[in-house]
Amino acid sequence: MILNYIWIFFILTAFIVAFLKLLFLNDIEIFNRLISAIFDASKTGFEISIGLTGILSLWLGLMKIAEQSGLIQSFAKFASPVFSKLFPDIPRDNPVAGTILMNISANMLGLDNAATPIGLKAMQQLQALNPIKNTASNAMIMFLCINASGLTIIPITIIMYRLQLGAANPSDIFVPILIATSASTLVAILGVGFRQKINLLQKNLLFLLGGFALFIFGVIYFFNRFPNEKISAYSSLIANFLLFTIICTFIIAGIVKKVNVYDTFILGAKEGFLTAVKIIPYLIAILVAIGAFRASGAMDYFNNGISWIVGSCGFDTSFVDSLPTIIMKPLSGSGSRGMMIDAMKTFGADSFSGRLSCIVQGSTDTIFYIIAVYYGSVAIRKTRYTLPCALIADLAGSITAIIIAYLFYF
């Protein structure tokens, strides 16, 4: 329901702004740009969905092997002590716990190509447990909000962009991103946990959070041992090594359990193709609304208004140049990436705005994309409080990113 209102808001706001620009500014090209943006967004939505087909087929094929071999059940048993507290509606030792664990792990390691298909598989398993098929369950909401918080340990893509755009020290945003993304994930868990009345002071959950904190410090210590120019190369090596190790582990587990690996893979790959087709209308809908909102100039007016308000209150406005990335991040992954690159090109890769845009880009994930794709894959229409909790986590990540940027670079 909330997505319905937001979609209408974006479209109607774009029309009103475009009409006013035509009426008062005599901008006769505004509706040409608006329609062009809408058609481009439709094309992009379709291309992204089709582009996901191969990846989905690959990973859902591998996931099917993991299921048949019992590997997912093993992951579920491993995660059960914690997940039974964080996802109380999921039956103990249910395979979906293992799938969720794998999805979160892939996100943490920056393995986007692996995380999305595994996440979609988790949504299908959660939907099987969902008593009201068109409404998001509590477990779905917790899972989506953790995903939307974008917990990432190795931001290899952002480091590579900084390297390409001439940053003197491309990896100097590593620790700030780690802090910002951890803050957004913590707020996501606390927010949803409070809404669902989950006792977050339980021993297993405290152990998880403490272990996670130690892991973060361990990662920081490990990478600080290397020269800055080596961090990007080692991050990429570790991520790709883990990715290929996962693939080989699934296949070996299938062989050990005497699973017909090839036929099982084909069966899962077919599910991946069907899932990609289901995503298309949901993704096109949200991208069209965002494209129209941007093309009308409404986004620019919003940024200028924020800058004026901040300046009038006597605060520093240096962070305002990064607002396009901050605003676009929950709306469009490619859009916010473009804003980040534009900030580095305009102000410099090592400028305050350039670095802050990178930290924001790595602090959370693309909320509307995740909600549209994940819920769309299982035909969920009533998302309940998913979006508010995800947006609060995104806000926490953005605020933390701004504070950290001022502490580190201003």
Foldseek 3Di string as FASTA:
>chain_A
DVVVVLLVVLQVVLVVLLVCCCVPVVPPCLVVLLVVLLVVLLVVLLVVLVVLLVLLLQQLLLVLLCVVLCVLLVLQQVQQVPCCQLPVLDDRSDSLSSLLVVLLVCLQLVVVSNNVSSLLVSLVVVCVSDPDQQEDDLNNLLSLLLQQLRNYQQPLVQLVLLVVQPPPQSCPLNLLLNVLSVQLNVLLSVVSCVVVVRDCPDPSNVVVVVVVVVVSVVSVVVLVVDPRVCSSVVSVVVSVVVVVVSSVVSVVSSVVSVHPSVVSSNVSSVLSNVLSVLLSVLSSSLSSSVSSSVSSCVVVVVLVVVLVVCVVVVHDSPQSLLVQLLVCFQRDLVRSVVSLSVQCVVVNCQDLSNSLSSSLSSRGHHSSSSCSSSCSSSNHDHHDCSVVSSVVSSVSSSVSSNVVSVVPPD
